[in-house]
PDB file of N, CA and C in Angstrom:
ATOM      1  N   MET A   1     290.899 134.783  27.637  1.00  0.00           N
ATOM      2  CA  MET A   1     291.067 136.369  27.315  1.00  0.00           C
ATOM      3  C   MET A   1     291.949 137.500  27.886  1.00  0.00           C
ATOM      4  N   ARG A   2     292.340 138.018  27.262  1.00  0.00           N
ATOM      5  CA  ARG A   2     293.497 139.324  28.024  1.00  0.00           C
ATOM      6  C   ARG A   2     292.258 140.364  28.645  1.00  0.00           C
ATOM      7  N   ARG A   3     292.872 141.197  29.234  1.00  0.00           N
ATOM      8  CA  ARG A   3     291.980 142.287  29.485  1.00  0.00           C
ATOM      9  C   ARG A   3     291.466 143.126  28.650  1.00  0.00           C
ATOM     10  N   SER A   4     292.314 143.364  27.667  1.00  0.00           N
ATOM     11  CA  SER A   4     291.513 144.470  26.952  1.00  0.00           C
ATOM     12  C   SER A   4     289.913 143.242  25.957  1.00  0.00           C
ATOM     13  N   GLU A   5     290.721 142.544  25.807  1.00  0.00           N
ATOM     14  CA  GLU A   5     289.777 141.665  24.510  1.00  0.00           C
ATOM     15  C   GLU A   5     288.422 141.624  25.500  1.00  0.00           C
ATOM     16  N   LEU A   6     288.520 141.113  27.225  1.00  0.00           N
ATOM     17  CA  LEU A   6     287.429 141.714  28.352  1.00  0.00           C
ATOM     18  C   LEU A   6     286.980 142.596  27.753  1.00  0.00           C
ATOM     19  N   GLY A   7     287.695 143.995  27.953  1.00  0.00           N
ATOM     20  CA  GLY A   7     287.164 145.265  27.968  1.00  0.00           C
ATOM     21  C   GLY A   7     286.838 145.239  27.057  1.00  0.00           C
ATOM     22  N   GLU A   8     286.473 144.991  25.269  1.00  0.00           N
ATOM     23  CA  GLU A   8     286.419 145.703  24.582  1.00  0.00           C
ATOM     24  C   GLU A   8     284.703 144.746  24.718  1.00  0.00           C
ATOM     25  N   ALA A   9     284.963 143.353  24.591  1.00  0.00           N
ATOM     26  CA  ALA A   9     283.602 142.727  24.528  1.00  0.00           C
ATOM     27  C   ALA A   9     282.489 143.301  25.721  1.00  0.00           C
ATOM     28  N   GLY A  10     283.345 143.805  26.297  1.00  0.00           N
ATOM     29  CA  GLY A  10     281.523 143.868  27.607  1.00  0.00           C
ATOM     30  C   GLY A  10     281.450 145.524  27.565  1.00  0.00           C
ATOM     31  N   GLU A  11     282.473 146.236  26.490  1.00  0.00           N
ATOM     32  CA  GLU A  11     281.629 147.254  25.837  1.00  0.00           C
ATOM     33  C   GLU A  11     280.770 147.009  24.601  1.00  0.00           C
ATOM     34  N   ALA A  12     280.825 145.895  23.750  1.00  0.00           N
ATOM     35  CA  ALA A  12     280.434 146.227  23.070  1.00  0.00           C
ATOM     36  C   ALA A  12     278.674 144.950  23.582  1.00  0.00           C
ATOM     37  N   ALA A  13     278.754 144.010  24.425  1.00  0.00           N
ATOM     38  CA  ALA A  13     277.445 143.456  25.403  1.00  0.00           C
ATOM     39  C   ALA A  13     276.945 144.671  25.502  1.00  0.00           C
ATOM     40  N   VAL A  14     277.453 145.702  25.854  1.00  0.00           N
ATOM     41  CA  VAL A  14     276.687 147.002  26.822  1.00  0.00           C
ATOM     42  C   VAL A  14     275.921 147.209  25.489  1.00  0.00           C
ATOM     43  N   ALA A  15     276.664 148.198  24.901  1.00  0.00           N
ATOM     44  CA  ALA A  15     276.015 148.708  23.214  1.00  0.00           C
ATOM     45  C   ALA A  15     274.322 147.456  22.818  1.00  0.00           C
ATOM     46  N   ARG A  16     274.550 146.450  22.910  1.00  0.00           N
ATOM     47  CA  ARG A  16     273.878 145.947  22.143  1.00  0.00           C
ATOM     48  C   ARG A  16     272.759 146.079  23.401  1.00  0.00           C
ATOM     49  N   TRP A  17     273.005 145.524  24.321  1.00  0.00           N
ATOM     50  CA  TRP A  17     271.668 145.488  25.208  1.00  0.00           C
ATOM     51  C   TRP A  17     271.420 147.407  25.475  1.00  0.00           C
ATOM     52  N   LEU A  18     272.125 148.178  25.014  1.00  0.00           N
ATOM     53  CA  LEU A  18     271.587 149.585  25.859  1.00  0.00           C
ATOM     54  C   LEU A  18     270.374 150.124  24.020  1.00  0.00           C
ATOM     55  N   ALA A  19     271.177 149.146  23.254  1.00  0.00           N
ATOM     56  CA  ALA A  19     270.167 149.533  22.062  1.00  0.00           C
ATOM     57  C   ALA A  19     269.003 148.426  21.705  1.00  0.00           C
ATOM     58  N   ASP A  20     269.289 147.854  22.505  1.00  0.00           N
ATOM     59  CA  ASP A  20     267.393 146.813  22.754  1.00  0.00           C
ATOM     60  C   ASP A  20     267.103 146.939  22.936  1.00  0.00           C
ATOM     61  N   ARG A  21     266.837 148.178  24.129  1.00  0.00           N
ATOM     62  CA  ARG A  21     266.036 149.022  25.197  1.00  0.00           C
ATOM     63  C   ARG A  21     265.678 150.156  25.039  1.00  0.00           C
ATOM     64  N   GLY A  22     266.157 150.586  23.118  1.00  0.00           N
ATOM     65  CA  GLY A  22     266.088 151.390  22.025  1.00  0.00           C
ATOM     66  C   GLY A  22     266.699 152.376  22.314  1.00  0.00           C
ATOM     67  N   TRP A  23     268.093 152.622  22.887  1.00  0.00           N
ATOM     68  CA  TRP A  23     269.493 153.587  23.082  1.00  0.00           C
ATOM     69  C   TRP A  23     269.734 153.599  21.583  1.00  0.00           C
ATOM     70  N   VAL A  24     269.693 155.249  21.587  1.00  0.00           N
ATOM     71  CA  VAL A  24     270.756 155.475  20.142  1.00  0.00           C
ATOM     72  C   VAL A  24     272.130 155.528  20.361  1.00  0.00           C
ATOM     73  N   VAL A  25     273.342 154.190  19.777  1.00  0.00           N
ATOM     74  CA  VAL A  25     274.645 154.702  20.122  1.00  0.00           C
ATOM     75  C   VAL A  25     274.862 155.532  18.855  1.00  0.00           C
ATOM     76  N   ILE A  26     275.328 156.762  19.239  1.00  0.00           N
ATOM     77  CA  ILE A  26     276.147 157.578  18.728  1.00  0.00           C
ATOM     78  C   ILE A  26     277.454 157.793  18.257  1.00  0.00           C
ATOM     79  N   ALA A  27     278.636 156.849  19.603  1.00  0.00           N
ATOM     80  CA  ALA A  27     280.029 156.914  19.515  1.00  0.00           C
ATOM     81  C   ALA A  27     280.241 155.665  20.076  1.00  0.00           C
ATOM     82  N   ARG A  28     281.582 154.665  19.898  1.00  0.00           N
ATOM     83  CA  ARG A  28     282.075 154.003  20.750  1.00  0.00           C
ATOM     84  C   ARG A  28     283.288 154.807  21.320  1.00  0.00           C
ATOM     85  N   ASN A  29     284.003 154.737  21.859  1.00  0.00           N
ATOM     86  CA  ASN A  29     285.669 154.730  22.482  1.00  0.00           C
ATOM     87  C   ASN A  29     286.084 155.882  21.892  1.00  0.00           C
ATOM     88  N   TRP A  30     285.264 157.123  21.974  1.00  0.00           N
ATOM     89  CA  TRP A  30     285.569 158.926  21.816  1.00  0.00           C
ATOM     90  C   TRP A  30     286.981 158.975  22.430  1.00  0.00           C
ATOM     91  N   ARG A  31     287.073 159.187  21.948  1.00  0.00           N
ATOM     92  CA  ARG A  31     289.050 159.892  22.836  1.00  0.00           C
ATOM     93  C   ARG A  31     289.639 161.546  22.244  1.00  0.00           C
ATOM     94  N   CYS A  32     289.769 162.376  23.126  1.00  0.00           N
ATOM     95  CA  CYS A  32     290.113 163.440  23.100  1.00  0.00           C
ATOM     96  C   CYS A  32     291.063 163.486  24.438  1.00  0.00           C
ATOM     97  N   ARG A  33     291.567 164.551  24.722  1.00  0.00           N
ATOM     98  CA  ARG A  33     293.315 164.856  25.670  1.00  0.00           C
ATOM     99  C   ARG A  33     292.790 164.676  26.858  1.00  0.00           C
ATOM    100  N   SER A  34     291.367 164.904  27.225  1.00  0.00           N
ATOM    101  CA  SER A  34     291.091 164.391  28.587  1.00  0.00           C
ATOM    102  C   SER A  34     290.964 163.097  29.035  1.00  0.00           C
ATOM    103  N   GLY A  35     290.686 161.870  27.706  1.00  0.00           N
ATOM    104  CA  GLY A  35     290.951 160.774  28.545  1.00  0.00           C
ATOM    105  C   GLY A  35     289.439 160.255  26.885  1.00  0.00           C
ATOM    106  N   GLU A  36     288.674 159.038  27.311  1.00  0.00           N
ATOM    107  CA  GLU A  36     287.887 158.304  26.572  1.00  0.00           C
ATOM    108  C   GLU A  36     286.100 158.292  27.011  1.00  0.00           C
ATOM    109  N   LEU A  37     285.406 157.888  26.296  1.00  0.00           N
ATOM    110  CA  LEU A  37     284.335 157.516  26.580  1.00  0.00           C
ATOM    111  C   LEU A  37     283.982 156.286  26.379  1.00  0.00           C
ATOM    112  N   ASP A  38     283.102 155.428  26.857  1.00  0.00           N
ATOM    113  CA  ASP A  38     283.470 154.100  26.530  1.00  0.00           C
ATOM    114  C   ASP A  38     281.716 154.008  25.167  1.00  0.00           C
ATOM    115  N   ILE A  39     281.109 154.787  25.567  1.00  0.00           N
ATOM    116  CA  ILE A  39     279.368 154.620  24.826  1.00  0.00           C
ATOM    117  C   ILE A  39     279.011 156.028  24.628  1.00  0.00           C
ATOM    118  N   VAL A  40     278.889 156.509  23.518  1.00  0.00           N
ATOM    119  CA  VAL A  40     277.978 157.773  23.882  1.00  0.00           C
ATOM    120  C   VAL A  40     276.870 157.109  23.333  1.00  0.00           C
ATOM    121  N   ALA A  41     274.951 157.347  23.748  1.00  0.00           N
ATOM    122  CA  ALA A  41     274.225 157.590  23.102  1.00  0.00           C
ATOM    123  C   ALA A  41     273.237 157.894  23.722  1.00  0.00           C
ATOM    124  N   LEU A  42     271.854 158.521  23.577  1.00  0.00           N
ATOM    125  CA  LEU A  42     270.774 159.016  23.034  1.00  0.00           C
ATOM    126  C   LEU A  42     270.012 157.639  24.144  1.00  0.00           C
ATOM    127  N   ASP A  43     269.334 158.225  25.403  1.00  0.00           N
ATOM    128  CA  ASP A  43     268.345 157.804  25.815  1.00  0.00           C
ATOM    129  C   ASP A  43     266.738 158.581  25.932  1.00  0.00           C
ATOM    130  N   ASP A  44     266.000 158.163  24.289  1.00  0.00           N
ATOM    131  CA  ASP A  44     265.274 159.401  24.430  1.00  0.00           C
ATOM    132  C   ASP A  44     266.568 160.673  24.029  1.00  0.00           C
ATOM    133  N   ASP A  45     265.787 162.023  24.342  1.00  0.00           N
ATOM    134  CA  ASP A  45     266.778 163.082  24.383  1.00  0.00           C
ATOM    135  C   ASP A  45     267.747 163.757  25.091  1.00  0.00           C
ATOM    136  N   VAL A  46     268.111 162.111  26.233  1.00  0.00           N
ATOM    137  CA  VAL A  46     269.186 162.798  26.821  1.00  0.00           C
ATOM    138  C   VAL A  46     270.298 161.736  26.783  1.00  0.00           C
ATOM    139  N   LEU A  47     271.324 162.810  26.346  1.00  0.00           N
ATOM    140  CA  LEU A  47     272.795 162.572  25.980  1.00  0.00           C
ATOM    141  C   LEU A  47     273.447 162.164  27.156  1.00  0.00           C
ATOM    142  N   VAL A  48     273.861 160.387  27.150  1.00  0.00           N
ATOM    143  CA  VAL A  48     274.752 159.556  28.229  1.00  0.00           C
ATOM    144  C   VAL A  48     275.801 159.509  27.385  1.00  0.00           C
ATOM    145  N   ALA A  49     276.748 159.784  28.638  1.00  0.00           N
ATOM    146  CA  ALA A  49     278.203 158.708  28.111  1.00  0.00           C
ATOM    147  C   ALA A  49     278.240 157.453  29.187  1.00  0.00           C
ATOM    148  N   VAL A  50     278.541 156.334  28.832  1.00  0.00           N
ATOM    149  CA  VAL A  50     278.468 155.565  29.531  1.00  0.00           C
ATOM    150  C   VAL A  50     279.609 154.648  29.972  1.00  0.00           C
ATOM    151  N   GLU A  51     279.684 155.045  31.077  1.00  0.00           N
ATOM    152  CA  GLU A  51     281.863 154.169  31.368  1.00  0.00           C
ATOM    153  C   GLU A  51     281.153 152.573  31.252  1.00  0.00           C
ATOM    154  N   VAL A  52     281.699 151.678  31.161  1.00  0.00           N
ATOM    155  CA  VAL A  52     281.882 150.551  31.240  1.00  0.00           C
ATOM    156  C   VAL A  52     282.723 149.847  32.147  1.00  0.00           C
ATOM    157  N   LYS A  53     282.647 148.972  33.579  1.00  0.00           N
ATOM    158  CA  LYS A  53     283.355 147.992  33.556  1.00  0.00           C
ATOM    159  C   LYS A  53     283.260 146.944  33.907  1.00  0.00           C
ATOM    160  N   VAL A  54     284.061 145.578  33.557  1.00  0.00           N
ATOM    161  CA  VAL A  54     284.033 144.737  33.571  1.00  0.00           C
ATOM    162  C   VAL A  54     285.324 143.929  34.140  1.00  0.00           C
ATOM    163  N   ARG A  55     284.709 142.894  35.260  1.00  0.00           N
ATOM    164  CA  ARG A  55     285.241 141.942  36.109  1.00  0.00           C
ATOM    165  C   ARG A  55     285.581 140.486  36.043  1.00  0.00           C
ATOM    166  N   ARG A  56     285.820 140.269  36.235  1.00  0.00           N
ATOM    167  CA  ARG A  56     285.993 138.362  36.533  1.00  0.00           C
ATOM    168  C   ARG A  56     285.482 138.134  37.411  1.00  0.00           C
ATOM    169  N   VAL A  57     284.131 136.826  37.949  1.00  0.00           N
ATOM    170  CA  VAL A  57     284.007 136.884  39.137  1.00  0.00           C
ATOM    171  C   VAL A  57     284.441 136.771  40.442  1.00  0.00           C
ATOM    172  N   ASP A  58     286.420 135.778  39.840  1.00  0.00           N
ATOM    173  CA  ASP A  58     287.241 135.330  40.584  1.00  0.00           C
ATOM    174  C   ASP A  58     288.188 137.274  41.076  1.00  0.00           C
ATOM    175  N   VAL A  59     287.420 138.339  41.098  1.00  0.00           N
ATOM    176  CA  VAL A  59     288.720 139.731  41.493  1.00  0.00           C
ATOM    177  C   VAL A  59     287.727 140.092  42.845  1.00  0.00           C
ATOM    178  N   ALA A  60     288.749 140.571  43.811  1.00  0.00           N
ATOM    179  CA  ALA A  60     287.295 140.452  45.174  1.00  0.00           C
ATOM    180  C   ALA A  60     286.453 141.506  44.802  1.00  0.00           C
ATOM    181  N   GLU A  61     287.336 143.068  44.234  1.00  0.00           N
ATOM    182  CA  GLU A  61     286.615 144.035  44.627  1.00  0.00           C
ATOM    183  C   GLU A  61     285.062 144.221  43.622  1.00  0.00           C
ATOM    184  N   PRO A  62     284.032 144.299  43.368  1.00  0.00           N
ATOM    185  CA  PRO A  62     282.992 144.746  42.337  1.00  0.00           C
ATOM    186  C   PRO A  62     283.500 145.372  40.880  1.00  0.00           C
ATOM    187  N   ALA A  63     283.340 145.436  39.969  1.00  0.00           N
ATOM    188  CA  ALA A  63     283.933 146.745  39.144  1.00  0.00           C
ATOM    189  C   ALA A  63     283.357 147.993  39.437  1.00  0.00           C
ATOM    190  N   GLU A  64     282.572 148.363  40.217  1.00  0.00           N
ATOM    191  CA  GLU A  64     281.820 149.711  40.116  1.00  0.00           C
ATOM    192  C   GLU A  64     283.022 150.310  40.986  1.00  0.00           C
ATOM    193  N   TRP A  65     283.543 149.512  41.852  1.00  0.00           N
ATOM    194  CA  TRP A  65     284.518 150.080  42.477  1.00  0.00           C
ATOM    195  C   TRP A  65     285.975 150.954  41.436  1.00  0.00           C
ATOM    196  N   ALA A  66     286.179 150.245  40.486  1.00  0.00           N
ATOM    197  CA  ALA A  66     286.830 150.424  39.983  1.00  0.00           C
ATOM    198  C   ALA A  66     286.815 152.328  39.143  1.00  0.00           C
ATOM    199  N   VAL A  67     286.012 152.743  39.224  1.00  0.00           N
ATOM    200  CA  VAL A  67     285.757 154.415  39.285  1.00  0.00           C
ATOM    201  C   VAL A  67     286.393 155.383  40.500  1.00  0.00           C
ATOM    202  N   THR A  68     286.527 155.688  40.241  1.00  0.00           N
ATOM    203  CA  THR A  68     287.738 156.577  41.070  1.00  0.00           C
ATOM    204  C   THR A  68     287.228 158.361  41.396  1.00  0.00           C
ATOM    205  N   THR A  69     287.353 158.967  42.323  1.00  0.00           N
ATOM    206  CA  THR A  69     287.017 160.138  42.731  1.00  0.00           C
ATOM    207  C   THR A  69     288.350 160.864  40.577  1.00  0.00           C
ATOM    208  N   ALA A  70     289.334 160.283  40.591  1.00  0.00           N
ATOM    209  CA  ALA A  70     290.498 160.527  39.336  1.00  0.00           C
ATOM    210  C   ALA A  70     289.330 160.514  38.304  1.00  0.00           C
ATOM    211  N   LYS A  71     288.914 159.565  38.091  1.00  0.00           N
ATOM    212  CA  LYS A  71     288.282 159.038  37.154  1.00  0.00           C
ATOM    213  C   LYS A  71     286.959 159.696  36.778  1.00  0.00           C
ATOM    214  N   ARG A  72     286.105 160.048  37.691  1.00  0.00           N
ATOM    215  CA  ARG A  72     284.934 160.689  37.554  1.00  0.00           C
ATOM    216  C   ARG A  72     285.616 161.916  37.118  1.00  0.00           C
ATOM    217  N   ARG A  73     286.039 162.586  38.033  1.00  0.00           N
ATOM    218  CA  ARG A  73     286.838 164.385  37.321  1.00  0.00           C
ATOM    219  C   ARG A  73     287.176 163.840  35.546  1.00  0.00           C
ATOM    220  N   ARG A  74     287.830 162.833  35.459  1.00  0.00           N
ATOM    221  CA  ARG A  74     288.214 162.308  33.697  1.00  0.00           C
ATOM    222  C   ARG A  74     287.229 162.252  33.129  1.00  0.00           C
ATOM    223  N   LEU A  75     286.287 161.751  33.129  1.00  0.00           N
ATOM    224  CA  LEU A  75     284.917 161.273  32.464  1.00  0.00           C
ATOM    225  C   LEU A  75     284.320 163.247  32.341  1.00  0.00           C
ATOM    226  N   LEU A  76     283.795 163.622  33.219  1.00  0.00           N
ATOM    227  CA  LEU A  76     283.243 164.761  32.899  1.00  0.00           C
ATOM    228  C   LEU A  76     284.172 165.596  32.033  1.00  0.00           C
ATOM    229  N   ALA A  77     285.089 165.718  32.419  1.00  0.00           N
ATOM    230  CA  ALA A  77     285.682 166.717  31.051  1.00  0.00           C
ATOM    231  C   ALA A  77     286.068 166.257  30.054  1.00  0.00           C
ATOM    232  N   THR A  78     286.151 165.323  29.571  1.00  0.00           N
ATOM    233  CA  THR A  78     285.752 164.153  28.653  1.00  0.00           C
ATOM    234  C   THR A  78     284.470 164.414  27.718  1.00  0.00           C
ATOM    235  N   LEU A  79     283.476 164.285  29.003  1.00  0.00           N
ATOM    236  CA  LEU A  79     281.937 164.653  28.444  1.00  0.00           C
ATOM    237  C   LEU A  79     282.167 165.947  27.886  1.00  0.00           C
ATOM    238  N   GLU A  80     282.469 166.852  28.242  1.00  0.00           N
ATOM    239  CA  GLU A  80     282.891 168.670  28.454  1.00  0.00           C
ATOM    240  C   GLU A  80     283.512 169.104  26.703  1.00  0.00           C
ATOM    241  N   GLU A  81     284.155 168.021  26.736  1.00  0.00           N
ATOM    242  CA  GLU A  81     285.197 168.073  25.159  1.00  0.00           C
ATOM    243  C   GLU A  81     284.043 167.156  24.183  1.00  0.00           C
ATOM    244  N   PHE A  82     283.257 166.906  24.115  1.00  0.00           N
ATOM    245  CA  PHE A  82     282.182 165.996  23.250  1.00  0.00           C
ATOM    246  C   PHE A  82     281.782 166.713  23.129  1.00  0.00           C
ATOM    247  N   LEU A  83     281.065 167.419  24.363  1.00  0.00           N
ATOM    248  CA  LEU A  83     279.679 168.644  23.861  1.00  0.00           C
ATOM    249  C   LEU A  83     280.796 169.648  22.904  1.00  0.00           C
ATOM    250  N   ALA A  84     281.899 169.722  23.577  1.00  0.00           N
ATOM    251  CA  ALA A  84     281.673 171.201  22.488  1.00  0.00           C
ATOM    252  C   ALA A  84     282.650 170.551  21.267  1.00  0.00           C
ATOM    253  N   ALA A  85     282.954 169.437  20.863  1.00  0.00           N
ATOM    254  CA  ALA A  85     283.351 168.856  19.629  1.00  0.00           C
ATOM    255  C   ALA A  85     282.035 168.190  18.798  1.00  0.00           C
ATOM    256  N   HIS A  86     280.992 168.667  19.696  1.00  0.00           N
ATOM    257  CA  HIS A  86     279.818 168.079  18.810  1.00  0.00           C
ATOM    258  C   HIS A  86     278.443 168.666  19.111  1.00  0.00           C
ATOM    259  N   PRO A  87     278.595 170.352  18.563  1.00  0.00           N
ATOM    260  CA  PRO A  87     277.559 170.969  18.713  1.00  0.00           C
ATOM    261  C   PRO A  87     276.114 171.183  18.887  1.00  0.00           C
ATOM    262  N   GLU A  88     276.012 169.862  18.263  1.00  0.00           N
ATOM    263  CA  GLU A  88     274.730 169.944  17.577  1.00  0.00           C
ATOM    264  C   GLU A  88     273.854 169.176  18.811  1.00  0.00           C
ATOM    265  N   HIS A  89     274.785 168.836  20.068  1.00  0.00           N
ATOM    266  CA  HIS A  89     274.051 167.400  21.493  1.00  0.00           C
ATOM    267  C   HIS A  89     273.792 168.909  22.719  1.00  0.00           C
ATOM    268  N   GLY A  90     274.988 170.400  22.708  1.00  0.00           N
ATOM    269  CA  GLY A  90     274.522 171.168  23.246  1.00  0.00           C
ATOM    270  C   GLY A  90     273.587 171.376  24.202  1.00  0.00           C
ATOM    271  N   GLN A  91     272.562 171.821  23.601  1.00  0.00           N
ATOM    272  CA  GLN A  91     271.462 171.812  24.655  1.00  0.00           C
ATOM    273  C   GLN A  91     270.528 170.705  25.050  1.00  0.00           C
ATOM    274  N   ARG A  92     271.151 169.945  24.725  1.00  0.00           N
ATOM    275  CA  ARG A  92     270.657 168.020  25.428  1.00  0.00           C
ATOM    276  C   ARG A  92     270.869 168.291  26.994  1.00  0.00           C
ATOM    277  N   LEU A  93     269.996 167.657  27.869  1.00  0.00           N
ATOM    278  CA  LEU A  93     270.571 167.036  29.011  1.00  0.00           C
ATOM    279  C   LEU A  93     271.583 166.292  29.004  1.00  0.00           C
ATOM    280  N   CYS A  94     272.110 165.880  30.520  1.00  0.00           N
ATOM    281  CA  CYS A  94     273.335 164.963  29.618  1.00  0.00           C
ATOM    282  C   CYS A  94     273.545 164.492  31.072  1.00  0.00           C
ATOM    283  N   ARG A  95     274.280 162.734  31.126  1.00  0.00           N
ATOM    284  CA  ARG A  95     274.460 162.536  32.414  1.00  0.00           C
ATOM    285  C   ARG A  95     275.027 161.082  31.430  1.00  0.00           C
ATOM    286  N   ILE A  96     276.093 160.899  33.241  1.00  0.00           N
ATOM    287  CA  ILE A  96     276.649 159.667  33.251  1.00  0.00           C
ATOM    288  C   ILE A  96     276.989 158.252  33.828  1.00  0.00           C
ATOM    289  N   ASP A  97     276.572 157.789  33.099  1.00  0.00           N
ATOM    290  CA  ASP A  97     276.116 156.272  33.648  1.00  0.00           C
ATOM    291  C   ASP A  97     277.112 155.249  33.720  1.00  0.00           C
ATOM    292  N   LEU A  98     277.457 154.210  34.435  1.00  0.00           N
ATOM    293  CA  LEU A  98     278.496 153.587  34.677  1.00  0.00           C
ATOM    294  C   LEU A  98     277.230 151.961  34.646  1.00  0.00           C
ATOM    295  N   VAL A  99     278.063 151.401  33.750  1.00  0.00           N
ATOM    296  CA  VAL A  99     277.793 149.752  33.556  1.00  0.00           C
ATOM    297  C   VAL A  99     278.205 148.570  34.262  1.00  0.00           C
ATOM    298  N   ALA A 100     278.674 148.110  35.571  1.00  0.00           N
ATOM    299  CA  ALA A 100     279.327 147.107  35.932  1.00  0.00           C
ATOM    300  C   ALA A 100     278.881 145.649  35.634  1.00  0.00           C
ATOM    301  N   VAL A 101     280.115 145.047  34.785  1.00  0.00           N
ATOM    302  CA  VAL A 101     279.517 143.812  34.368  1.00  0.00           C
ATOM    303  C   VAL A 101     280.713 142.641  34.972  1.00  0.00           C
ATOM    304  N   THR A 102     279.793 141.887  35.095  1.00  0.00           N
ATOM    305  CA  THR A 102     280.867 140.795  35.774  1.00  0.00           C
ATOM    306  C   THR A 102     280.522 139.621  34.975  1.00  0.00           C
ATOM    307  N   VAL A 103     282.272 139.090  34.551  1.00  0.00           N
ATOM    308  CA  VAL A 103     281.971 137.336  33.548  1.00  0.00           C
ATOM    309  C   VAL A 103     282.291 136.720  34.210  1.00  0.00           C
ATOM    310  N   ASP A 104     282.334 135.361  34.128  1.00  0.00           N
ATOM    311  CA  ASP A 104     283.420 133.481  34.018  1.00  0.00           C
ATOM    312  C   ASP A 104     284.551 133.717  33.468  1.00  0.00           C
ATOM    313  N   ARG A 105     284.676 132.840  33.729  1.00  0.00           N
ATOM    314  CA  ARG A 105     286.372 132.838  33.420  1.00  0.00           C
ATOM    315  C   ARG A 105     286.183 132.472  31.784  1.00  0.00           C
ATOM    316  N   ALA A 106     284.850 132.213  30.900  1.00  0.00           N
ATOM    317  CA  ALA A 106     285.107 131.875  30.018  1.00  0.00           C
ATOM    318  C   ALA A 106     284.493 133.413  28.878  1.00  0.00           C
ATOM    319  N   GLY A 107     284.550 134.084  29.863  1.00  0.00           N
ATOM    320  CA  GLY A 107     284.309 135.505  29.844  1.00  0.00           C
ATOM    321  C   GLY A 107     282.625 135.896  29.102  1.00  0.00           C
ATOM    322  N   ARG A 108     281.501 135.037  29.982  1.00  0.00           N
ATOM    323  CA  ARG A 108     280.280 134.920  29.622  1.00  0.00           C
ATOM    324  C   ARG A 108     279.807 135.889  30.766  1.00  0.00           C
ATOM    325  N   VAL A 109     278.694 136.484  30.293  1.00  0.00           N
ATOM    326  CA  VAL A 109     278.001 137.091  31.161  1.00  0.00           C
ATOM    327  C   VAL A 109     277.063 137.057  32.995  1.00  0.00           C
ATOM    328  N   VAL A 110     277.665 137.136  33.330  1.00  0.00           N
ATOM    329  CA  VAL A 110     276.793 136.666  35.065  1.00  0.00           C
ATOM    330  C   VAL A 110     275.943 137.559  35.562  1.00  0.00           C
ATOM    331  N   ARG A 111     276.769 138.782  35.323  1.00  0.00           N
ATOM    332  CA  ARG A 111     275.619 140.077  36.180  1.00  0.00           C
ATOM    333  C   ARG A 111     276.011 141.557  35.539  1.00  0.00           C
ATOM    334  N   TRP A 112     275.230 141.802  35.329  1.00  0.00           N
ATOM    335  CA  TRP A 112     275.249 143.323  34.832  1.00  0.00           C
ATOM    336  C   TRP A 112     274.334 144.518  36.294  1.00  0.00           C
ATOM    337  N   ARG A 113     275.013 145.489  36.129  1.00  0.00           N
ATOM    338  CA  ARG A 113     274.381 146.618  36.950  1.00  0.00           C
ATOM    339  C   ARG A 113     274.631 148.039  36.525  1.00  0.00           C
ATOM    340  N   HIS A 114     273.356 148.166  36.311  1.00  0.00           N
ATOM    341  CA  HIS A 114     273.606 149.733  35.710  1.00  0.00           C
ATOM    342  C   HIS A 114     273.002 151.120  36.662  1.00  0.00           C
ATOM    343  N   PHE A 115     274.544 151.474  37.254  1.00  0.00           N
ATOM    344  CA  PHE A 115     273.723 153.229  37.550  1.00  0.00           C
ATOM    345  C   PHE A 115     273.955 154.041  36.669  1.00  0.00           C
ATOM    346  N   PRO A 116     272.659 154.158  36.402  1.00  0.00           N
ATOM    347  CA  PRO A 116     271.955 155.990  35.868  1.00  0.00           C
ATOM    348  C   PRO A 116     272.208 156.715  36.657  1.00  0.00           C
ATOM    349  N   GLY A 117     272.995 157.939  36.004  1.00  0.00           N
ATOM    350  CA  GLY A 117     273.077 159.124  36.666  1.00  0.00           C
ATOM    351  C   GLY A 117     274.575 159.295  37.287  1.00  0.00           C
ATOM    352  N   SER A 118     275.587 157.906  37.002  1.00  0.00           N
ATOM    353  CA  SER A 118     276.009 157.445  38.539  1.00  0.00           C
ATOM    354  C   SER A 118     277.333 158.807  38.868  1.00  0.00           C
ATOM    355  N   VAL A 119     277.698 159.347  37.521  1.00  0.00           N
ATOM    356  CA  VAL A 119     278.966 159.691  38.064  1.00  0.00           C
ATOM    357  C   VAL A 119     278.389 161.469  37.797  1.00  0.00           C
ATOM    358  N   SER A 120     278.597 162.244  39.124  1.00  0.00           N
ATOM    359  CA  SER A 120     278.596 163.470  38.886  1.00  0.00           C
ATOM    360  C   SER A 120     279.599 164.407  39.698  1.00  0.00           C
ATOM    361  N   GLU A 121     280.252 165.456  39.867  1.00  0.00           N
ATOM    362  CA  GLU A 121     281.210 166.451  40.875  1.00  0.00           C
ATOM    363  C   GLU A 121     280.305 166.511  41.829  1.00  0.00           C
ATOM    364  N   GLY A 122     281.856 165.219  42.810  1.00  0.00           N
ATOM    365  CA  GLY A 122     281.202 165.200  44.436  1.00  0.00           C
ATOM    366  C   GLY A 122     280.623 164.350  44.967  1.00  0.00           C
ATOM    367  N   GLU A 123     280.276 163.586  43.701  1.00  0.00           N
ATOM    368  CA  GLU A 123     279.347 162.293  44.167  1.00  0.00           C
ATOM    369  C   GLU A 123     279.659 160.974  44.229  1.00  0.00           C
ATOM    370  N   ASP A 124     279.073 160.095  44.876  1.00  0.00           N
ATOM    371  CA  ASP A 124     280.476 158.495  45.077  1.00  0.00           C
ATOM    372  C   ASP A 124     278.976 157.795  44.886  1.00  0.00           C
ATOM    373  N   GLY A 125     278.170 157.955  44.426  1.00  0.00           N
ATOM    374  CA  GLY A 125     276.827 156.872  44.132  1.00  0.00           C
ATOM    375  C   GLY A 125     276.638 155.507  43.950  1.00  0.00           C
ATOM    376  N   TRP A 126     277.590 154.468  43.807  1.00  0.00           N
ATOM    377  CA  TRP A 126     277.072 153.507  43.531  1.00  0.00           C
ATOM    378  C   TRP A 126     278.138 152.850  44.548  1.00  0.00           C
ATOM    379  N   ARG A 127     279.082 153.440  45.273  1.00  0.00           N
ATOM    380  CA  ARG A 127     279.524 152.265  46.804  1.00  0.00           C
ATOM    381  C   ARG A 127     278.787 152.107  47.665  1.00  0.00           C
TER     382      ARG A 127
END
């Protein structure tokens, strides 16, 4: 499975997982000049941008380590642009979650880790 296919499969699996828990997915792969939001969903009344990171079991670093300080800044800027483009969500509480997915060589999920609210300015809450 190519890297892009792995990422797409991981994002699709996470979107289904969120929907199964009652979240409403309102956007996937939303792009603007600041970057991309993998998934945008409503968790009750909270707007959540979900960053999905997928890694194979044979990769030394955990998937969650792939979100650098620069990536966190881009996610925050991208969420701001999303809110500007979708004023109907402007008054909602917002957060950015990370979902780290580990898959085996066949692409089957072997581990999920959900880090709610893990991306915020000046914090590195998942290492």
